[in-house]
Amino acid sequence: MGKIKVFALWTAPAPYSVAWLSRLAQQTQIDLLVAYQHSVNLGHAYWNLHLPYRNISFNSSGILKGLLTVPKILSVLSRFRPDVVFFGNPVWPIISKMLWLWCLLTGTPYTFLGDGNAKKPMSWWKHLRNKVFITPFIRFAQRVVVIGTNNQSLYRRYGSIPQKEVFAPYSVDTDFWLVQAETTLKRRDEIRQRLGVNDETTVFLYVGKLEDVKGVDTLIEASALLQKRSGKKFKLLLVGTGSREAELKDLARNREIEQIVNFCGKKQQNELADYYASADWFVLPSRTEAWGLVINEALCFGLPVIASDAVGAVEDLVKDGVNGFVFIKDEVESLLEALEKAINTEGEQRKRMREEARKVIDQWNIKSMVGGLLQAVTECCNFARRHPKEKSDT
């Protein structure tokens, strides 16, 4: 039996997906071709990414460009002749719809990976749209890749069944991050000294965009109250940039905590490790968050996590009181309570929480995730070989 030819359609390159696809391409039984709906230059310009697998890209944004792309992608499919099509985080521009119809017409099995969850509030018309598009998309998929509890709940809402589901625990490149952790944690005291932090100071870290949806204003408001109520020293490191940066700096000044809050700017992957190593707690205060892969990164460093209940990953990665705390989104007092618990967690209790945080990666790692992706692709191919003329909905 020859290699399984997999045609993967992704929106654009990003560090997390490049890591998964690279590992999938390294499997001896897989022949992978990745098609990007946007230029690969986006990934290189923003993250300085190298793509170590075969790839092509189409500038297919917009209806007109999407229609013009159709003959090109049909030509690629004709030459490559995939055994399986893999949709990455499927969205619904023309090119995705066209590829889905091509799968149905040719009987080519497909699977998909998405990071959506059932928590995000949805208007009636979006729910209706999903019923129209997502339900048949799931029905005719040979396998549904489930990345976590809330992701599974979303797919079940639109008709997924257990027999189709393959679990692939959502992960970052844990091999990379665990090496980074081992190296930088040895220099933790040196890094904290460089950041102006002593042993008595608790460091809370946020990594992400400075946008309204991320809830960083709630974190600053809660930190201002923490300063008034707690006599203990702490520092808040905000790593990232975004449209709310100026407003957030004004908020920190207005609350008179500008000496406590450090705006660290945007950092590349290889620069983030020092910040994770310097921190005592990781905070993700999002108002909505599909998953929150920065939590996975933080856990590699043994960081206990404080996250809002709107974050898709919390049910799987954060055990309240064990390896972190969960608070009610957008509620300053609820976040303040979590911060107070954190700053008063010391000695053996903090050590245990760090150990519990690190244990999570034993399951939620890149090897397990790629194993799930490989299982989904292989089972799709096996189904097609057993039923060469069928389009199954089971």
Foldseek 3Di string as FASTA:
>chain_A
DAAAEEEEEEAEDDQQVLLLVVVLCPDRRYQYEYEHACDNVVHCVPFVDDRPHHYYYAPQPDQVSVVVCLVVVVVVCVVRVGQEYEYEQDDDHSNSVSVLVVCVVQVRAYEYDHLAFPLDDDDPVVVVVCLVPVLVSQLLHQAYEAQDDRSVVVSVVSPHDPVRYFYFHRAGALVVLLVLLVVQLVCQCVLCVVVVHDPQEAEEEEEDEPDVQQQVLLVLVLVLVLVVPDPGHYAYEYEEYYDCVVVSCVSNVVSPNNVRYHDPYYDHPSPCSSVLSNHQAYEGQGNAASAPNVLNSSLSNLHQYEYEPRHNHCVQQHDDLQQAHYFHHPDSVRVSVRVVVSSPQDDPSSVRNSVSSNVSCVQNHSVSNSVRVVVSSVSSSVVCVVPVPDRGSD
